[in-house]
Protein backbone atom coordinates (compact mmCIF):
# COMPACT_ATOMS: atom_id res chain seq x y z
CA MET A 1 10.64 -74.34 -24.80
CA ASN A 2 12.77 -73.38 -21.80
CA GLN A 3 15.90 -74.93 -23.34
CA ILE A 4 15.68 -72.97 -26.58
CA ARG A 5 14.89 -69.79 -24.65
CA ALA A 6 17.99 -70.27 -22.48
CA TYR A 7 20.09 -70.89 -25.58
CA LEU A 8 18.79 -67.81 -27.40
CA ASP A 9 19.06 -65.62 -24.28
CA GLN A 10 22.82 -66.29 -24.40
CA ILE A 11 22.88 -64.71 -27.86
CA ALA A 12 20.56 -61.72 -27.45
CA THR A 13 17.74 -60.20 -25.42
CA ILE A 14 14.38 -61.13 -26.91
CA SER A 15 11.21 -59.16 -26.26
CA ASN A 16 8.20 -61.12 -25.07
CA GLU A 17 6.34 -60.15 -28.25
CA ASP A 18 9.13 -61.48 -30.50
CA TRP A 19 9.44 -64.61 -28.34
CA ASP A 20 5.71 -65.33 -28.56
CA PHE A 21 5.74 -64.90 -32.34
CA PHE A 22 8.85 -67.09 -32.69
CA THR A 23 7.49 -69.90 -30.51
CA SER A 24 4.16 -69.85 -32.37
CA LYS A 25 6.13 -71.06 -35.42
CA LEU A 26 7.93 -73.92 -33.64
CA HIS A 27 6.70 -77.49 -34.01
CA ARG A 28 7.81 -80.32 -31.74
CA ARG A 29 8.83 -83.50 -33.55
CA VAL A 30 9.86 -86.80 -31.94
CA ILE A 31 12.12 -88.85 -34.19
CA PRO A 32 12.50 -92.57 -33.35
CA LYS A 33 15.97 -94.01 -32.78
CA LYS A 34 17.94 -94.82 -36.00
CA THR A 35 15.44 -92.95 -38.22
CA ILE A 36 16.79 -91.07 -41.22
CA PHE A 37 14.62 -87.96 -41.26
CA LEU A 38 16.24 -86.25 -44.23
CA LYS A 39 17.59 -88.25 -47.17
CA VAL A 40 19.89 -87.46 -50.06
CA ASN A 41 18.07 -85.45 -52.77
CA GLU A 42 15.38 -84.21 -50.38
CA ILE A 43 15.21 -80.48 -49.70
CA GLU A 44 15.76 -79.52 -46.07
CA ASN A 45 12.76 -77.46 -45.03
CA HIS A 46 13.52 -77.17 -41.31
CA ILE A 47 16.10 -75.92 -38.92
CA SER A 48 15.64 -77.62 -35.57
CA PHE A 49 16.74 -77.21 -31.99
CA ILE A 50 17.50 -80.50 -30.22
CA GLU A 51 15.66 -80.79 -26.92
CA SER A 52 16.99 -84.31 -26.40
CA GLY A 53 18.87 -86.89 -28.43
CA VAL A 54 21.81 -87.23 -30.80
CA VAL A 55 21.77 -86.62 -34.55
CA ARG A 56 24.30 -87.77 -37.17
CA LEU A 57 24.98 -86.21 -40.59
CA PHE A 58 26.49 -88.61 -43.11
CA ILE A 59 27.11 -89.38 -46.74
CA PRO A 60 25.62 -92.80 -47.56
CA LYS A 61 27.48 -95.37 -49.64
CA ASP A 62 26.41 -98.65 -51.28
CA ASN A 63 28.47 -100.42 -48.63
CA PRO A 64 27.25 -99.17 -45.22
CA GLU A 65 30.78 -99.72 -43.84
CA LYS A 66 32.01 -96.96 -46.19
CA GLU A 67 29.52 -94.29 -45.05
CA ILE A 68 31.17 -90.99 -44.20
CA THR A 69 30.01 -89.43 -40.94
CA PHE A 70 30.92 -85.76 -40.91
CA GLY A 71 28.81 -84.29 -38.15
CA PHE A 72 27.00 -84.88 -34.89
CA SER A 73 24.55 -82.61 -33.11
CA PHE A 74 23.44 -82.91 -29.50
CA LYS A 75 20.97 -81.63 -26.94
CA ASP A 76 20.79 -77.81 -26.88
CA GLN A 77 22.20 -77.42 -30.40
CA PHE A 78 20.65 -76.59 -33.74
CA VAL A 79 20.67 -79.17 -36.51
CA SER A 80 19.84 -79.00 -40.19
CA ALA A 81 21.19 -79.93 -43.59
CA TYR A 82 22.00 -76.26 -43.47
CA ASP A 83 23.33 -75.84 -47.00
CA SER A 84 20.16 -77.41 -48.41
CA PHE A 85 18.04 -75.31 -46.05
CA LEU A 86 19.68 -72.02 -47.09
CA THR A 87 19.60 -72.70 -50.83
CA GLN A 88 16.39 -74.78 -50.87
CA THR A 89 18.16 -77.31 -53.09
CA PRO A 90 18.45 -81.10 -52.61
CA SER A 91 20.67 -82.37 -49.83
CA ALA A 92 23.84 -84.30 -50.62
CA TYR A 93 23.63 -86.27 -47.36
CA HIS A 94 21.37 -87.94 -44.81
CA VAL A 95 20.37 -86.68 -41.36
CA GLN A 96 19.67 -89.45 -38.84
CA ALA A 97 18.51 -89.64 -35.22
CA LEU A 98 20.93 -92.00 -33.45
CA THR A 99 18.80 -92.00 -30.31
CA GLU A 100 15.16 -91.07 -29.87
CA THR A 101 15.35 -87.35 -30.56
CA THR A 102 12.98 -84.51 -29.73
CA LEU A 103 13.25 -81.47 -31.98
CA LEU A 104 11.71 -78.02 -32.00
CA SER A 105 11.54 -77.27 -35.72
CA ILE A 106 10.81 -74.18 -37.76
CA SER A 107 10.13 -74.25 -41.48
CA TYR A 108 12.06 -72.24 -44.04
CA ASN A 109 9.03 -70.06 -44.84
CA ASP A 110 8.23 -69.43 -41.18
CA LEU A 111 11.84 -68.45 -40.49
CA GLN A 112 11.73 -65.97 -43.38
CA GLU A 113 8.58 -64.50 -41.83
CA ILE A 114 10.34 -64.19 -38.46
CA TYR A 115 13.24 -62.40 -40.14
CA LYS A 116 10.82 -59.90 -41.69
CA THR A 117 8.50 -59.47 -38.71
CA THR A 118 10.67 -59.41 -35.58
CA GLN A 119 13.48 -57.15 -34.47
CA ILE A 120 15.58 -60.02 -33.19
CA GLY A 121 15.14 -62.53 -36.05
CA ASN A 122 18.05 -61.47 -38.23
CA LEU A 123 20.43 -61.23 -35.28
CA ILE A 124 19.55 -64.72 -34.06
CA GLY A 125 19.85 -66.09 -37.61
CA ARG A 126 23.24 -64.51 -38.15
CA LEU A 127 24.69 -65.54 -34.79
CA THR A 128 23.39 -69.11 -35.13
CA ALA A 129 24.90 -69.35 -38.63
CA GLU A 130 28.21 -68.04 -37.25
CA ARG A 131 28.22 -70.70 -34.53
CA LEU A 132 27.52 -73.45 -37.09
CA PHE A 133 30.37 -72.13 -39.25
CA LEU A 134 32.80 -72.12 -36.32
CA ILE A 135 31.97 -75.75 -35.46
CA LYS A 136 32.57 -76.76 -39.09
CA SER A 137 35.79 -74.76 -39.34
CA LYS A 138 37.14 -76.23 -36.10
CA ARG A 139 36.49 -79.78 -37.31
CA GLU A 140 38.23 -79.11 -40.64
CA GLN A 141 41.25 -77.64 -38.88
CA ASN A 142 41.44 -80.65 -36.56
CA LEU A 143 41.39 -83.02 -39.54
CA LEU A 144 44.24 -81.09 -41.15
CA ASN A 145 46.40 -80.37 -38.10
CA LEU A 146 45.96 -83.23 -35.62
CA SER A 147 46.93 -86.89 -35.77
CA ALA A 148 44.18 -89.51 -35.57
CA GLU A 149 45.09 -90.19 -31.94
CA GLU A 150 45.00 -86.47 -31.11
CA ARG A 151 41.58 -86.11 -32.81
CA TYR A 152 40.23 -89.04 -30.79
CA MET A 153 41.62 -87.69 -27.50
CA LYS A 154 40.26 -84.20 -28.22
CA LEU A 155 36.82 -85.64 -29.00
CA PHE A 156 36.96 -87.80 -25.86
CA LYS A 157 37.87 -84.81 -23.67
CA GLU A 158 35.34 -82.42 -25.21
CA ARG A 159 32.41 -84.83 -25.45
CA PRO A 160 32.92 -87.94 -23.27
CA GLU A 161 29.18 -88.73 -23.45
CA LEU A 162 29.59 -89.18 -27.20
CA LEU A 163 31.43 -92.45 -26.69
CA LYS A 164 28.55 -93.84 -24.67
CA VAL A 165 25.81 -93.26 -27.25
CA ILE A 166 27.52 -93.29 -30.65
CA PRO A 167 28.80 -96.51 -32.25
CA LEU A 168 32.57 -96.56 -32.70
CA LYS A 169 32.23 -97.06 -36.47
CA TYR A 170 30.60 -93.61 -36.69
CA ILE A 171 33.22 -92.03 -34.45
CA SER A 172 36.05 -93.51 -36.52
CA SER A 173 34.48 -92.17 -39.71
CA TYR A 174 34.00 -88.76 -38.09
CA ILE A 175 37.67 -88.47 -37.12
CA GLY A 176 38.73 -89.77 -40.54
CA ILE A 177 40.09 -93.24 -39.78
CA THR A 178 39.01 -96.86 -40.11
CA ALA A 179 37.28 -98.71 -37.30
CA GLN A 180 40.35 -100.96 -37.04
CA ALA A 181 42.68 -97.97 -36.62
CA LEU A 182 40.39 -96.61 -33.89
CA SER A 183 40.48 -99.98 -32.11
CA ARG A 184 44.30 -99.87 -32.15
CA ILE A 185 44.30 -96.32 -30.76
CA ARG A 186 41.87 -97.31 -28.00
CA ARG A 187 44.03 -100.34 -27.08
CA ARG A 188 47.15 -98.15 -26.85
CA LEU A 189 45.38 -95.66 -24.62
C-alpha cells in the first residue's frame, strides 16, 4: 500500500479518512507469469496499480508472430484496458502479465463509489486519466516522427530494464517493426 500512497501523494494531498476508504476498496491480486488476465471481448472491470511486475497490452492474431503489442505497464504505474473500463464494453485486446505481477485492483463500481463519497476521488481519477493519455499521445507521436532506430534508442534510454524482461519480439512490435529489422538495428548499434 505504501507504493500506491507515494504515487498518489505526488498528485494530491489525501486525507486519512479518504485514504482509509480508498484502500478498503483495493484488492491485491497476484497474476502468474505469461497469464492473460483480460481477453478480447471481456469487459474490463478493474483499474489496477502495479506493485511489481510487467504487463503487456496487445491485439492477438491467428499467427502469434503477427500479434501487435501496443503498450507496456510497469511497477508503480496503473494498468487497465482503460477504454473498456470507462465504457464498460468488451475489450478489443488482451492484457497479459509478462512476469509474475502483483496488482492492487479496484472495481468499476467501487471506483464510482469513491468518486461520489470522497473529496479527492474525482481529482485522482482525472489526473490519472491525464497521465494515461499523455503516455499514449507520446507513443503515437514517436511512431509518426521518429525512425525505427530512433524509437529503439529512445526506448532503450528511457527504460533500459525493459530490454532485460521483455522478449525482443514484443519490443519490435511495440516500436512498429519486424523482429528481423530490430535485430539489424541492434547489430548496427
